[in-house]
Amino acid sequence: MQKDFKRALRTGSMLAVAFSALTIATASGNAAERMASLGTGQPNERIVYAAVGEATRAPIGWVEFCIEYKSECATRASAPRDIVLTAKTWNDLVKVNNWVNDSIKPMTDAEHWGAVERWNFPDDGIGDCEDYVLLKRKMLMQAGWPREALLITVVRDKKGEGHAVLTVKTNRGEFILDNQETEVLAWNKTGYKFVKRQSQSDQNLWVGLSEPRGAPATVSAR
């Protein structure tokens, strides 16, 4: 089982497996209904984005991840891009989030590796929060989503603990893929304190986050 899981991840077939596995579960859902339930509220409600601050230090886990997975980090600076949110893209987002959350067994790095912090793809089907994030990001990128819209983000969760989530930048706001939450929520509906995330223009540059703006940490949790 673990060998098949690892092989699927390396060959890039995991996305197809995920979508296939979720076909039945999502067939009865209506994409339009899901779009209507997005966390941005009513159509005339002002979309709120997290305020991006100055450049800050990258998490040590990301630095060490880039040493182990050099090809994943060997990218050049590029123009920021947002996803145009449609019924299809929303459904794909929900599919990936649900599949990864259901498929990976949560376990802290201390329990799994005997280390305080280690970021890696959950090849063995086990991981903590940042490993969920890395897999979701990889799967969406394999599906053609732009890296510039998929930002690994460090937050303080509702317990005040360090946690990692995936921010998806769209024309309808910023949405969060989170292994601690079954729904895909707007970032300002999560109850989290947002600390820092990858820059849209350079995944190896991290920027601080502060109070929200309108439209024109060590990660320890599972």
N, C-alpha and C. Protein backbone atom coordinates (compact mmCIF):
# COMPACT_ATOMS: atom_id res chain seq x y z
N MET A 1 0.83 -1.20 0.00
CA MET A 1 0.00 0.00 0.00
C MET A 1 0.87 1.26 0.00
N GLN A 2 1.85 1.29 0.90
CA GLN A 2 2.73 2.45 0.98
C GLN A 2 3.55 2.61 -0.30
N LYS A 3 3.98 1.49 -0.89
CA LYS A 3 4.74 1.56 -2.14
C LYS A 3 3.88 2.12 -3.25
N ASP A 4 2.60 1.69 -3.33
CA ASP A 4 1.69 2.19 -4.36
C ASP A 4 1.45 3.68 -4.18
N PHE A 5 1.28 4.11 -2.93
CA PHE A 5 1.05 5.52 -2.62
C PHE A 5 2.24 6.35 -3.07
N LYS A 6 3.43 5.89 -2.74
CA LYS A 6 4.66 6.61 -3.08
C LYS A 6 4.84 6.65 -4.59
N ARG A 7 4.57 5.53 -5.26
CA ARG A 7 4.72 5.48 -6.71
C ARG A 7 3.75 6.44 -7.39
N ALA A 8 2.51 6.51 -6.89
CA ALA A 8 1.51 7.40 -7.47
C ALA A 8 1.94 8.85 -7.36
N LEU A 9 2.50 9.20 -6.22
CA LEU A 9 2.96 10.57 -6.03
C LEU A 9 4.09 10.91 -6.98
N ARG A 10 5.05 10.02 -7.12
CA ARG A 10 6.23 10.29 -7.95
C ARG A 10 5.89 10.32 -9.44
N THR A 11 4.94 9.51 -9.87
CA THR A 11 4.62 9.45 -11.29
C THR A 11 3.63 10.52 -11.70
N GLY A 12 3.07 11.24 -10.72
CA GLY A 12 2.11 12.29 -11.04
C GLY A 12 0.72 11.77 -11.28
N SER A 13 0.46 10.49 -11.00
CA SER A 13 -0.86 9.92 -11.25
C SER A 13 -1.81 10.11 -10.09
N MET A 14 -1.34 10.67 -9.00
CA MET A 14 -2.18 10.79 -7.81
C MET A 14 -3.39 11.67 -8.07
N LEU A 15 -3.23 12.71 -8.86
CA LEU A 15 -4.35 13.60 -9.14
C LEU A 15 -5.48 12.83 -9.82
N ALA A 16 -5.14 12.01 -10.82
CA ALA A 16 -6.15 11.22 -11.50
C ALA A 16 -6.82 10.25 -10.55
N VAL A 17 -6.03 9.65 -9.67
CA VAL A 17 -6.58 8.72 -8.68
C VAL A 17 -7.55 9.44 -7.77
N ALA A 18 -7.17 10.63 -7.33
CA ALA A 18 -8.02 11.40 -6.42
C ALA A 18 -9.33 11.78 -7.08
N PHE A 19 -9.28 12.29 -8.30
CA PHE A 19 -10.49 12.70 -8.97
C PHE A 19 -11.40 11.50 -9.26
N SER A 20 -10.78 10.39 -9.62
CA SER A 20 -11.56 9.18 -9.89
C SER A 20 -12.24 8.68 -8.63
N ALA A 21 -11.51 8.69 -7.52
CA ALA A 21 -12.05 8.20 -6.26
C ALA A 21 -13.19 9.06 -5.76
N LEU A 22 -13.20 10.33 -6.16
CA LEU A 22 -14.21 11.26 -5.66
C LEU A 22 -15.38 11.46 -6.61
N THR A 23 -15.36 10.78 -7.74
CA THR A 23 -16.40 10.97 -8.73
C THR A 23 -17.78 10.70 -8.17
N ILE A 24 -17.92 9.57 -7.49
CA ILE A 24 -19.22 9.21 -6.94
C ILE A 24 -19.63 10.19 -5.85
N ALA A 25 -18.68 10.56 -5.01
CA ALA A 25 -18.99 11.43 -3.89
C ALA A 25 -19.43 12.81 -4.34
N THR A 26 -18.93 13.26 -5.49
CA THR A 26 -19.24 14.62 -5.92
C THR A 26 -20.30 14.66 -7.02
N ALA A 27 -20.68 13.50 -7.55
CA ALA A 27 -21.63 13.47 -8.65
C ALA A 27 -22.97 14.08 -8.26
N SER A 28 -23.38 13.88 -7.01
CA SER A 28 -24.67 14.37 -6.58
C SER A 28 -24.63 15.83 -6.17
N GLY A 29 -23.44 16.39 -6.04
CA GLY A 29 -23.31 17.80 -5.65
C GLY A 29 -23.49 18.69 -6.86
N ASN A 30 -23.92 19.90 -6.61
CA ASN A 30 -24.11 20.86 -7.69
C ASN A 30 -23.08 21.96 -7.56
N ALA A 31 -22.28 22.16 -8.61
CA ALA A 31 -21.20 23.15 -8.53
C ALA A 31 -21.73 24.55 -8.26
N ALA A 32 -22.87 24.87 -8.84
CA ALA A 32 -23.43 26.20 -8.63
C ALA A 32 -23.80 26.41 -7.17
N GLU A 33 -24.35 25.36 -6.55
CA GLU A 33 -24.71 25.46 -5.14
C GLU A 33 -23.47 25.65 -4.28
N ARG A 34 -22.40 24.94 -4.63
CA ARG A 34 -21.16 25.10 -3.87
C ARG A 34 -20.61 26.51 -4.02
N MET A 35 -20.67 27.04 -5.22
CA MET A 35 -20.18 28.40 -5.44
C MET A 35 -20.98 29.40 -4.60
N ALA A 36 -22.28 29.17 -4.50
CA ALA A 36 -23.13 30.08 -3.75
C ALA A 36 -22.82 30.07 -2.27
N SER A 37 -22.20 28.97 -1.81
CA SER A 37 -21.92 28.83 -0.38
C SER A 37 -20.51 29.26 -0.01
N LEU A 38 -19.79 29.89 -0.95
CA LEU A 38 -18.42 30.31 -0.66
C LEU A 38 -18.40 31.30 0.50
N GLY A 39 -17.25 31.32 1.20
CA GLY A 39 -17.15 32.13 2.39
C GLY A 39 -17.08 33.63 2.16
N THR A 40 -17.24 34.11 0.92
CA THR A 40 -17.17 35.54 0.69
C THR A 40 -18.47 36.24 1.03
N GLY A 41 -19.53 35.50 1.29
CA GLY A 41 -20.78 36.11 1.69
C GLY A 41 -21.61 36.54 0.49
N GLN A 42 -22.42 37.58 0.65
CA GLN A 42 -23.31 38.04 -0.40
C GLN A 42 -22.53 38.66 -1.55
N PRO A 43 -23.13 38.68 -2.78
CA PRO A 43 -22.42 39.18 -3.95
C PRO A 43 -21.88 40.60 -3.77
N ASN A 44 -22.58 41.44 -3.03
CA ASN A 44 -22.14 42.83 -2.87
C ASN A 44 -21.20 43.02 -1.69
N GLU A 45 -20.93 41.93 -0.96
CA GLU A 45 -20.03 42.04 0.18
C GLU A 45 -18.61 42.31 -0.30
N ARG A 46 -17.93 43.20 0.39
CA ARG A 46 -16.57 43.58 0.02
C ARG A 46 -15.61 42.41 0.25
N ILE A 47 -14.86 42.05 -0.77
CA ILE A 47 -13.88 40.98 -0.65
C ILE A 47 -12.68 41.51 0.12
N VAL A 48 -12.23 40.72 1.10
CA VAL A 48 -11.13 41.13 1.95
C VAL A 48 -9.93 40.23 1.72
N TYR A 49 -8.77 40.81 1.50
CA TYR A 49 -7.52 40.08 1.33
C TYR A 49 -6.60 40.30 2.53
N ALA A 50 -5.77 39.33 2.80
CA ALA A 50 -4.76 39.51 3.84
C ALA A 50 -3.76 40.56 3.37
N ALA A 51 -3.33 41.40 4.29
CA ALA A 51 -2.35 42.44 3.95
C ALA A 51 -0.95 41.85 3.95
N VAL A 52 -0.25 42.00 2.85
CA VAL A 52 1.09 41.45 2.70
C VAL A 52 2.11 42.50 3.15
N GLY A 53 3.03 42.09 4.01
CA GLY A 53 4.03 43.00 4.55
C GLY A 53 5.41 42.80 3.94
N GLU A 54 6.41 43.04 4.76
CA GLU A 54 7.79 42.96 4.31
C GLU A 54 8.27 41.52 4.20
N ALA A 55 9.37 41.35 3.48
CA ALA A 55 9.98 40.03 3.37
C ALA A 55 10.41 39.55 4.76
N THR A 56 10.28 38.27 4.99
CA THR A 56 10.62 37.69 6.28
C THR A 56 11.34 36.36 6.08
N ARG A 57 11.81 35.79 7.17
CA ARG A 57 12.58 34.55 7.08
C ARG A 57 11.67 33.38 6.71
N ALA A 58 12.13 32.54 5.81
CA ALA A 58 11.38 31.34 5.45
C ALA A 58 11.41 30.35 6.61
N PRO A 59 10.36 29.57 6.79
CA PRO A 59 10.38 28.54 7.83
C PRO A 59 11.54 27.57 7.60
N ILE A 60 12.17 27.11 8.66
CA ILE A 60 13.29 26.19 8.53
C ILE A 60 12.86 24.91 7.83
N GLY A 61 11.61 24.53 8.03
CA GLY A 61 11.12 23.33 7.35
C GLY A 61 11.15 23.48 5.84
N TRP A 62 10.80 24.68 5.33
CA TRP A 62 10.85 24.92 3.89
C TRP A 62 12.29 24.92 3.39
N VAL A 63 13.18 25.52 4.15
CA VAL A 63 14.59 25.55 3.76
C VAL A 63 15.14 24.14 3.62
N GLU A 64 14.84 23.30 4.58
CA GLU A 64 15.35 21.93 4.55
C GLU A 64 14.62 21.09 3.49
N PHE A 65 13.34 21.39 3.26
CA PHE A 65 12.61 20.73 2.18
C PHE A 65 13.28 21.00 0.84
N CYS A 66 13.71 22.23 0.63
CA CYS A 66 14.35 22.61 -0.63
C CYS A 66 15.71 21.96 -0.82
N ILE A 67 16.34 21.58 0.27
CA ILE A 67 17.60 20.85 0.17
C ILE A 67 17.34 19.42 -0.28
N GLU A 68 16.27 18.83 0.28
CA GLU A 68 15.94 17.44 -0.05
C GLU A 68 15.24 17.32 -1.40
N TYR A 69 14.38 18.30 -1.73
CA TYR A 69 13.62 18.27 -2.98
C TYR A 69 14.03 19.49 -3.83
N LYS A 70 15.25 19.50 -4.29
CA LYS A 70 15.80 20.66 -4.99
C LYS A 70 14.96 21.06 -6.20
N SER A 71 14.49 20.11 -6.95
CA SER A 71 13.74 20.43 -8.17
C SER A 71 12.42 21.14 -7.87
N GLU A 72 11.86 20.90 -6.71
CA GLU A 72 10.59 21.53 -6.34
C GLU A 72 10.77 23.03 -6.06
N CYS A 73 11.97 23.42 -5.74
CA CYS A 73 12.23 24.81 -5.35
C CYS A 73 13.02 25.58 -6.39
N ALA A 74 13.48 24.90 -7.44
CA ALA A 74 14.32 25.53 -8.46
C ALA A 74 13.45 26.27 -9.47
N THR A 75 12.89 27.38 -9.05
CA THR A 75 12.02 28.18 -9.91
C THR A 75 12.52 29.62 -9.94
N ARG A 76 12.11 30.33 -10.98
CA ARG A 76 12.48 31.73 -11.12
C ARG A 76 11.32 32.62 -10.69
N ALA A 77 11.65 33.87 -10.38
CA ALA A 77 10.61 34.84 -10.04
C ALA A 77 9.67 35.02 -11.24
N SER A 78 8.39 35.23 -10.96
CA SER A 78 7.39 35.36 -12.02
C SER A 78 6.30 36.32 -11.58
N ALA A 79 5.43 36.68 -12.51
CA ALA A 79 4.36 37.62 -12.20
C ALA A 79 3.28 36.94 -11.36
N PRO A 80 2.72 37.62 -10.38
CA PRO A 80 1.63 37.05 -9.57
C PRO A 80 0.43 36.70 -10.45
N ARG A 81 -0.21 35.61 -10.10
CA ARG A 81 -1.40 35.18 -10.84
C ARG A 81 -2.45 34.71 -9.85
N ASP A 82 -3.71 35.06 -10.13
CA ASP A 82 -4.83 34.59 -9.32
C ASP A 82 -5.68 33.63 -10.16
N ILE A 83 -6.34 32.70 -9.48
CA ILE A 83 -7.25 31.78 -10.14
C ILE A 83 -8.58 32.48 -10.39
N VAL A 84 -9.15 32.29 -11.57
CA VAL A 84 -10.52 32.74 -11.84
C VAL A 84 -11.44 31.64 -11.32
N LEU A 85 -12.18 31.96 -10.29
CA LEU A 85 -12.99 30.95 -9.62
C LEU A 85 -14.29 30.70 -10.39
N THR A 86 -14.45 29.48 -10.84
CA THR A 86 -15.67 29.04 -11.52
C THR A 86 -16.22 27.82 -10.79
N ALA A 87 -17.37 27.34 -11.23
CA ALA A 87 -17.94 26.14 -10.61
C ALA A 87 -16.97 24.96 -10.73
N LYS A 88 -16.31 24.84 -11.87
CA LYS A 88 -15.39 23.73 -12.08
C LYS A 88 -14.15 23.85 -11.19
N THR A 89 -13.55 25.04 -11.16
CA THR A 89 -12.34 25.18 -10.35
C THR A 89 -12.66 25.01 -8.87
N TRP A 90 -13.83 25.48 -8.45
CA TRP A 90 -14.22 25.28 -7.05
C TRP A 90 -14.38 23.80 -6.73
N ASN A 91 -15.03 23.07 -7.61
CA ASN A 91 -15.21 21.63 -7.39
C ASN A 91 -13.87 20.90 -7.35
N ASP A 92 -12.95 21.28 -8.24
CA ASP A 92 -11.63 20.65 -8.25
C ASP A 92 -10.89 20.94 -6.94
N LEU A 93 -11.02 22.17 -6.47
CA LEU A 93 -10.38 22.56 -5.21
C LEU A 93 -10.91 21.72 -4.05
N VAL A 94 -12.22 21.58 -3.99
CA VAL A 94 -12.85 20.81 -2.92
C VAL A 94 -12.45 19.33 -3.02
N LYS A 95 -12.39 18.80 -4.24
CA LYS A 95 -12.01 17.40 -4.44
C LYS A 95 -10.62 17.12 -3.90
N VAL A 96 -9.67 17.95 -4.27
CA VAL A 96 -8.29 17.74 -3.83
C VAL A 96 -8.20 17.87 -2.31
N ASN A 97 -8.82 18.89 -1.77
CA ASN A 97 -8.78 19.09 -0.32
C ASN A 97 -9.35 17.89 0.43
N ASN A 98 -10.51 17.43 0.00
CA ASN A 98 -11.16 16.30 0.67
C ASN A 98 -10.34 15.02 0.53
N TRP A 99 -9.82 14.79 -0.67
CA TRP A 99 -9.11 13.53 -0.90
C TRP A 99 -7.85 13.44 -0.06
N VAL A 100 -7.09 14.52 -0.03
CA VAL A 100 -5.86 14.50 0.76
C VAL A 100 -6.18 14.38 2.25
N ASN A 101 -7.17 15.14 2.72
CA ASN A 101 -7.54 15.07 4.13
C ASN A 101 -7.98 13.66 4.53
N ASP A 102 -8.68 12.98 3.62
CA ASP A 102 -9.18 11.63 3.92
C ASP A 102 -8.12 10.56 3.76
N SER A 103 -7.09 10.82 2.94
CA SER A 103 -6.13 9.79 2.58
C SER A 103 -4.88 9.77 3.45
N ILE A 104 -4.54 10.89 4.06
CA ILE A 104 -3.33 10.98 4.87
C ILE A 104 -3.66 10.83 6.34
N LYS A 105 -2.90 10.00 7.02
CA LYS A 105 -3.07 9.83 8.46
C LYS A 105 -2.28 10.91 9.19
N PRO A 106 -2.93 11.70 10.08
CA PRO A 106 -2.21 12.76 10.77
C PRO A 106 -1.26 12.23 11.83
N MET A 107 -0.05 12.78 11.84
CA MET A 107 0.95 12.41 12.83
C MET A 107 1.98 13.52 12.91
N THR A 108 2.37 13.92 14.10
CA THR A 108 3.36 14.98 14.24
C THR A 108 4.73 14.50 13.77
N ASP A 109 5.60 15.46 13.46
CA ASP A 109 6.96 15.11 13.06
C ASP A 109 7.70 14.38 14.18
N ALA A 110 7.42 14.77 15.41
CA ALA A 110 8.08 14.12 16.54
C ALA A 110 7.71 12.64 16.61
N GLU A 111 6.43 12.34 16.38
CA GLU A 111 5.97 10.96 16.40
C GLU A 111 6.44 10.18 15.17
N HIS A 112 6.43 10.87 14.04
CA HIS A 112 6.73 10.22 12.76
C HIS A 112 8.23 10.04 12.53
N TRP A 113 8.97 11.11 12.77
CA TRP A 113 10.38 11.14 12.41
C TRP A 113 11.32 11.30 13.61
N GLY A 114 10.76 11.59 14.76
CA GLY A 114 11.62 11.87 15.91
C GLY A 114 12.33 13.20 15.77
N ALA A 115 11.71 14.12 15.02
CA ALA A 115 12.29 15.44 14.76
C ALA A 115 11.27 16.51 15.10
N VAL A 116 11.76 17.68 15.49
CA VAL A 116 10.86 18.78 15.81
C VAL A 116 10.13 19.26 14.57
N GLU A 117 10.84 19.34 13.46
CA GLU A 117 10.28 19.90 12.24
C GLU A 117 10.86 19.20 11.02
N ARG A 118 9.98 18.68 10.17
CA ARG A 118 10.42 18.10 8.91
C ARG A 118 9.28 18.22 7.90
N TRP A 119 9.57 18.89 6.78
CA TRP A 119 8.59 19.05 5.71
C TRP A 119 8.93 18.07 4.60
N ASN A 120 7.97 17.28 4.19
CA ASN A 120 8.17 16.38 3.06
C ASN A 120 6.83 15.90 2.53
N PHE A 121 6.84 15.36 1.33
CA PHE A 121 5.62 14.77 0.79
C PHE A 121 5.28 13.52 1.60
N PRO A 122 4.01 13.30 1.90
CA PRO A 122 3.62 12.14 2.71
C PRO A 122 3.61 10.85 1.89
N ASP A 123 4.79 10.44 1.45
CA ASP A 123 4.93 9.26 0.58
C ASP A 123 4.37 7.99 1.22
N ASP A 124 4.43 7.92 2.55
CA ASP A 124 3.99 6.71 3.24
C ASP A 124 2.55 6.81 3.74
N GLY A 125 1.85 7.88 3.32
CA GLY A 125 0.46 8.03 3.73
C GLY A 125 0.30 8.64 5.11
N ILE A 126 1.41 9.16 5.67
CA ILE A 126 1.40 9.75 7.01
C ILE A 126 2.04 11.13 6.93
N GLY A 127 1.50 12.09 7.68
CA GLY A 127 2.11 13.41 7.68
C GLY A 127 1.45 14.35 8.65
N ASP A 128 2.06 15.53 8.82
CA ASP A 128 1.42 16.56 9.61
C ASP A 128 1.00 17.70 8.69
N CYS A 129 0.61 18.83 9.26
CA CYS A 129 -0.09 19.85 8.49
C CYS A 129 0.63 20.30 7.22
N GLU A 130 1.94 20.55 7.33
CA GLU A 130 2.65 21.05 6.15
C GLU A 130 2.77 19.98 5.06
N ASP A 131 2.75 18.71 5.45
CA ASP A 131 2.82 17.64 4.46
C ASP A 131 1.52 17.55 3.66
N TYR A 132 0.39 17.76 4.34
CA TYR A 132 -0.90 17.87 3.65
C TYR A 132 -0.84 19.01 2.63
N VAL A 133 -0.30 20.14 3.08
CA VAL A 133 -0.23 21.33 2.22
C VAL A 133 0.63 21.05 0.99
N LEU A 134 1.78 20.44 1.19
CA LEU A 134 2.68 20.17 0.07
C LEU A 134 2.03 19.26 -0.97
N LEU A 135 1.28 18.27 -0.49
CA LEU A 135 0.63 17.34 -1.42
C LEU A 135 -0.52 18.02 -2.16
N LYS A 136 -1.33 18.79 -1.47
CA LYS A 136 -2.44 19.49 -2.13
C LYS A 136 -1.90 20.45 -3.19
N ARG A 137 -0.85 21.15 -2.84
CA ARG A 137 -0.24 22.10 -3.77
C ARG A 137 0.30 21.38 -5.00
N LYS A 138 0.97 20.27 -4.79
CA LYS A 138 1.54 19.51 -5.89
C LYS A 138 0.45 19.00 -6.83
N MET A 139 -0.62 18.47 -6.24
CA MET A 139 -1.71 17.93 -7.05
C MET A 139 -2.40 19.01 -7.88
N LEU A 140 -2.62 20.16 -7.30
CA LEU A 140 -3.25 21.25 -8.04
C LEU A 140 -2.33 21.75 -9.15
N MET A 141 -1.04 21.82 -8.88
CA MET A 141 -0.10 22.23 -9.92
C MET A 141 -0.05 21.21 -11.05
N GLN A 142 -0.14 19.92 -10.71
CA GLN A 142 -0.18 18.89 -11.74
C GLN A 142 -1.42 19.02 -12.62
N ALA A 143 -2.48 19.60 -12.03
CA ALA A 143 -3.72 19.80 -12.78
C ALA A 143 -3.69 21.09 -13.60
N GLY A 144 -2.58 21.82 -13.53
CA GLY A 144 -2.43 23.02 -14.33
C GLY A 144 -2.68 24.32 -13.60
N TRP A 145 -2.90 24.26 -12.29
CA TRP A 145 -3.08 25.49 -11.53
C TRP A 145 -1.74 26.20 -11.39
N PRO A 146 -1.72 27.54 -11.46
CA PRO A 146 -0.45 28.26 -11.37
C PRO A 146 0.13 28.24 -9.95
N ARG A 147 1.40 27.98 -9.87
CA ARG A 147 2.08 27.99 -8.58
C ARG A 147 1.89 29.32 -7.86
N GLU A 148 1.85 30.40 -8.64
CA GLU A 148 1.77 31.75 -8.06
C GLU A 148 0.48 31.99 -7.27
N ALA A 149 -0.52 31.13 -7.48
CA ALA A 149 -1.79 31.29 -6.76
C ALA A 149 -1.92 30.31 -5.60
N LEU A 150 -0.90 29.47 -5.39
CA LEU A 150 -0.95 28.42 -4.37
C LEU A 150 0.17 28.68 -3.37
N LEU A 151 -0.16 29.25 -2.24
CA LEU A 151 0.84 29.77 -1.33
C LEU A 151 0.83 29.03 0.01
N ILE A 152 1.95 28.40 0.33
CA ILE A 152 2.08 27.78 1.65
C ILE A 152 2.09 28.89 2.70
N THR A 153 1.29 28.71 3.73
CA THR A 153 1.04 29.79 4.69
C THR A 153 1.18 29.28 6.12
N VAL A 154 1.85 30.05 6.96
CA VAL A 154 2.00 29.73 8.37
C VAL A 154 1.02 30.58 9.17
N VAL A 155 0.27 29.93 10.06
CA VAL A 155 -0.72 30.62 10.88
C VAL A 155 -0.58 30.19 12.33
N ARG A 156 -1.30 30.88 13.20
CA ARG A 156 -1.56 30.41 14.55
C ARG A 156 -3.00 29.92 14.56
N ASP A 157 -3.21 28.66 14.93
CA ASP A 157 -4.57 28.12 14.89
C ASP A 157 -5.38 28.59 16.09
N LYS A 158 -6.56 28.04 16.26
CA LYS A 158 -7.48 28.49 17.31
C LYS A 158 -6.94 28.22 18.71
N LYS A 159 -5.97 27.32 18.80
CA LYS A 159 -5.33 27.03 20.09
C LYS A 159 -4.06 27.85 20.29
N GLY A 160 -3.73 28.66 19.30
CA GLY A 160 -2.52 29.47 19.37
C GLY A 160 -1.27 28.71 18.96
N GLU A 161 -1.44 27.54 18.38
CA GLU A 161 -0.29 26.73 17.98
C GLU A 161 0.08 27.00 16.53
N GLY A 162 1.36 26.79 16.20
CA GLY A 162 1.82 26.93 14.83
C GLY A 162 1.17 25.90 13.93
N HIS A 163 0.77 26.33 12.74
CA HIS A 163 0.02 25.45 11.83
C HIS A 163 0.29 25.91 10.40
N ALA A 164 0.22 25.01 9.45
CA ALA A 164 0.40 25.34 8.04
C ALA A 164 -0.87 25.04 7.25
N VAL A 165 -1.22 25.94 6.35
CA VAL A 165 -2.37 25.77 5.47
C VAL A 165 -1.96 26.21 4.07
N LEU A 166 -2.81 25.93 3.10
CA LEU A 166 -2.56 26.37 1.73
C LEU A 166 -3.53 27.49 1.38
N THR A 167 -3.00 28.66 1.05
CA THR A 167 -3.82 29.77 0.60
C THR A 167 -3.95 29.70 -0.91
N VAL A 168 -5.19 29.76 -1.40
CA VAL A 168 -5.45 29.78 -2.84
C VAL A 168 -5.97 31.17 -3.19
N LYS A 169 -5.20 31.88 -3.99
CA LYS A 169 -5.54 33.26 -4.38
C LYS A 169 -6.46 33.22 -5.60
N THR A 170 -7.63 33.84 -5.46
CA THR A 170 -8.60 33.85 -6.56
C THR A 170 -9.14 35.26 -6.77
N ASN A 171 -9.88 35.42 -7.85
CA ASN A 171 -10.53 36.70 -8.12
C ASN A 171 -11.70 36.95 -7.18
N ARG A 172 -12.06 35.96 -6.37
CA ARG A 172 -13.15 36.12 -5.41
C ARG A 172 -12.66 36.03 -3.97
N GLY A 173 -11.38 36.25 -3.80
CA GLY A 173 -10.82 36.23 -2.46
C GLY A 173 -9.79 35.14 -2.28
N GLU A 174 -9.34 34.98 -1.04
CA GLU A 174 -8.33 33.99 -0.70
C GLU A 174 -8.97 32.89 0.13
N PHE A 175 -8.78 31.65 -0.33
CA PHE A 175 -9.41 30.51 0.31
C PHE A 175 -8.36 29.57 0.89
N ILE A 176 -8.74 28.88 1.96
CA ILE A 176 -7.79 28.09 2.73
C ILE A 176 -8.11 26.61 2.66
N LEU A 177 -7.09 25.83 2.27
CA LEU A 177 -7.16 24.36 2.32
C LEU A 177 -6.43 23.93 3.58
N ASP A 178 -7.13 23.20 4.43
CA ASP A 178 -6.67 22.98 5.80
C ASP A 178 -7.01 21.55 6.23
N ASN A 179 -6.05 20.84 6.77
CA ASN A 179 -6.34 19.48 7.22
C ASN A 179 -7.11 19.44 8.54
N GLN A 180 -7.24 20.58 9.21
CA GLN A 180 -8.02 20.65 10.45
C GLN A 180 -9.47 21.06 10.21
N GLU A 181 -9.80 21.36 8.96
CA GLU A 181 -11.13 21.86 8.63
C GLU A 181 -11.66 21.12 7.40
N THR A 182 -12.91 20.63 7.49
CA THR A 182 -13.47 19.86 6.39
C THR A 182 -13.89 20.74 5.21
N GLU A 183 -14.23 21.99 5.48
CA GLU A 183 -14.67 22.88 4.42
C GLU A 183 -13.53 23.78 3.94
N VAL A 184 -13.62 24.20 2.69
CA VAL A 184 -12.71 25.22 2.17
C VAL A 184 -13.32 26.57 2.53
N LEU A 185 -12.62 27.33 3.37
CA LEU A 185 -13.15 28.59 3.88
C LEU A 185 -12.36 29.78 3.36
N ALA A 186 -13.03 30.94 3.32
CA ALA A 186 -12.31 32.18 3.08
C ALA A 186 -11.34 32.38 4.24
N TRP A 187 -10.20 32.96 3.96
CA TRP A 187 -9.14 33.06 4.97
C TRP A 187 -9.62 33.76 6.25
N ASN A 188 -10.48 34.78 6.11
CA ASN A 188 -10.92 35.53 7.27
C ASN A 188 -12.09 34.88 8.00
N LYS A 189 -12.47 33.67 7.57
CA LYS A 189 -13.51 32.91 8.26
C LYS A 189 -12.92 31.75 9.06
N THR A 190 -11.60 31.62 9.06
CA THR A 190 -10.97 30.46 9.70
C THR A 190 -10.79 30.61 11.20
N GLY A 191 -10.72 31.84 11.69
CA GLY A 191 -10.42 32.07 13.09
C GLY A 191 -8.94 31.98 13.41
N TYR A 192 -8.09 31.94 12.38
CA TYR A 192 -6.65 31.84 12.56
C TYR A 192 -5.99 33.22 12.53
N LYS A 193 -4.81 33.30 13.12
CA LYS A 193 -3.97 34.48 12.98
C LYS A 193 -2.94 34.17 11.91
N PHE A 194 -2.91 34.96 10.85
CA PHE A 194 -2.03 34.69 9.72
C PHE A 194 -0.68 35.37 9.96
N VAL A 195 0.38 34.58 9.84
CA VAL A 195 1.73 35.02 10.21
C VAL A 195 2.58 35.35 8.98
N LYS A 196 2.74 34.40 8.08
CA LYS A 196 3.55 34.63 6.89
C LYS A 196 3.22 33.58 5.83
N ARG A 197 3.62 33.87 4.60
CA ARG A 197 3.38 32.93 3.50
C ARG A 197 4.37 33.19 2.38
N GLN A 198 4.35 32.31 1.40
CA GLN A 198 5.18 32.49 0.22
C GLN A 198 4.73 33.71 -0.57
N SER A 199 5.68 34.38 -1.18
CA SER A 199 5.35 35.47 -2.08
C SER A 199 4.75 34.90 -3.36
N GLN A 200 3.81 35.63 -3.94
CA GLN A 200 3.23 35.17 -5.20
C GLN A 200 4.25 35.18 -6.33
N SER A 201 5.20 36.08 -6.27
CA SER A 201 6.15 36.21 -7.37
C SER A 201 7.36 35.29 -7.23
N ASP A 202 7.61 34.79 -6.03
CA ASP A 202 8.78 33.94 -5.81
C ASP A 202 8.50 33.02 -4.63
N GLN A 203 8.36 31.72 -4.90
CA GLN A 203 7.99 30.79 -3.84
C GLN A 203 9.06 30.66 -2.76
N ASN A 204 10.27 31.06 -3.06
CA ASN A 204 11.36 30.97 -2.09
C ASN A 204 11.51 32.25 -1.26
N LEU A 205 10.69 33.24 -1.56
CA LEU A 205 10.65 34.47 -0.78
C LEU A 205 9.38 34.44 0.06
N TRP A 206 9.53 34.68 1.36
CA TRP A 206 8.38 34.66 2.27
C TRP A 206 8.10 36.08 2.75
N VAL A 207 6.81 36.38 2.93
CA VAL A 207 6.40 37.72 3.34
C VAL A 207 5.51 37.63 4.58
N GLY A 208 5.63 38.64 5.43
CA GLY A 208 4.79 38.70 6.62
C GLY A 208 3.37 39.08 6.26
N LEU A 209 2.42 38.72 7.11
CA LEU A 209 1.01 39.04 6.91
C LEU A 209 0.51 39.84 8.11
N SER A 210 -0.41 40.76 7.84
CA SER A 210 -0.93 41.58 8.92
C SER A 210 -2.43 41.76 8.77
N GLU A 211 -2.96 42.88 9.25
CA GLU A 211 -4.40 43.10 9.23
C GLU A 211 -4.93 43.08 7.80
N PRO A 212 -6.21 42.71 7.64
CA PRO A 212 -6.78 42.58 6.29
C PRO A 212 -6.90 43.91 5.56
N ARG A 213 -6.94 43.80 4.23
CA ARG A 213 -7.17 44.98 3.39
C ARG A 213 -8.26 44.64 2.39
N GLY A 214 -8.92 45.64 1.86
CA GLY A 214 -9.97 45.41 0.88
C GLY A 214 -9.40 45.24 -0.50
N ALA A 215 -10.22 44.71 -1.41
CA ALA A 215 -9.78 44.54 -2.78
C ALA A 215 -9.68 45.90 -3.41
N PRO A 216 -8.83 46.13 -4.57
CA PRO A 216 -8.95 47.54 -5.01
C PRO A 216 -10.17 47.82 -4.67
N ALA A 217 7.02 31.24 12.03
CA ALA A 217 6.61 30.48 13.18
C ALA A 217 7.00 29.02 13.01
N THR A 218 7.14 28.43 13.84
CA THR A 218 7.39 26.98 13.73
C THR A 218 6.06 26.29 13.59
N VAL A 219 5.96 25.38 12.65
CA VAL A 219 4.73 24.65 12.43
C VAL A 219 4.77 23.37 13.26
N SER A 220 3.88 23.26 14.23
CA SER A 220 3.94 22.11 15.12
C SER A 220 2.67 21.28 15.13
N ALA A 221 1.58 21.81 14.62
CA ALA A 221 0.32 21.09 14.67
C ALA A 221 0.27 19.98 13.65
N ARG A 222 -0.61 19.01 13.88
CA ARG A 222 -0.78 17.92 12.91
C ARG A 222 -1.49 18.43 11.67
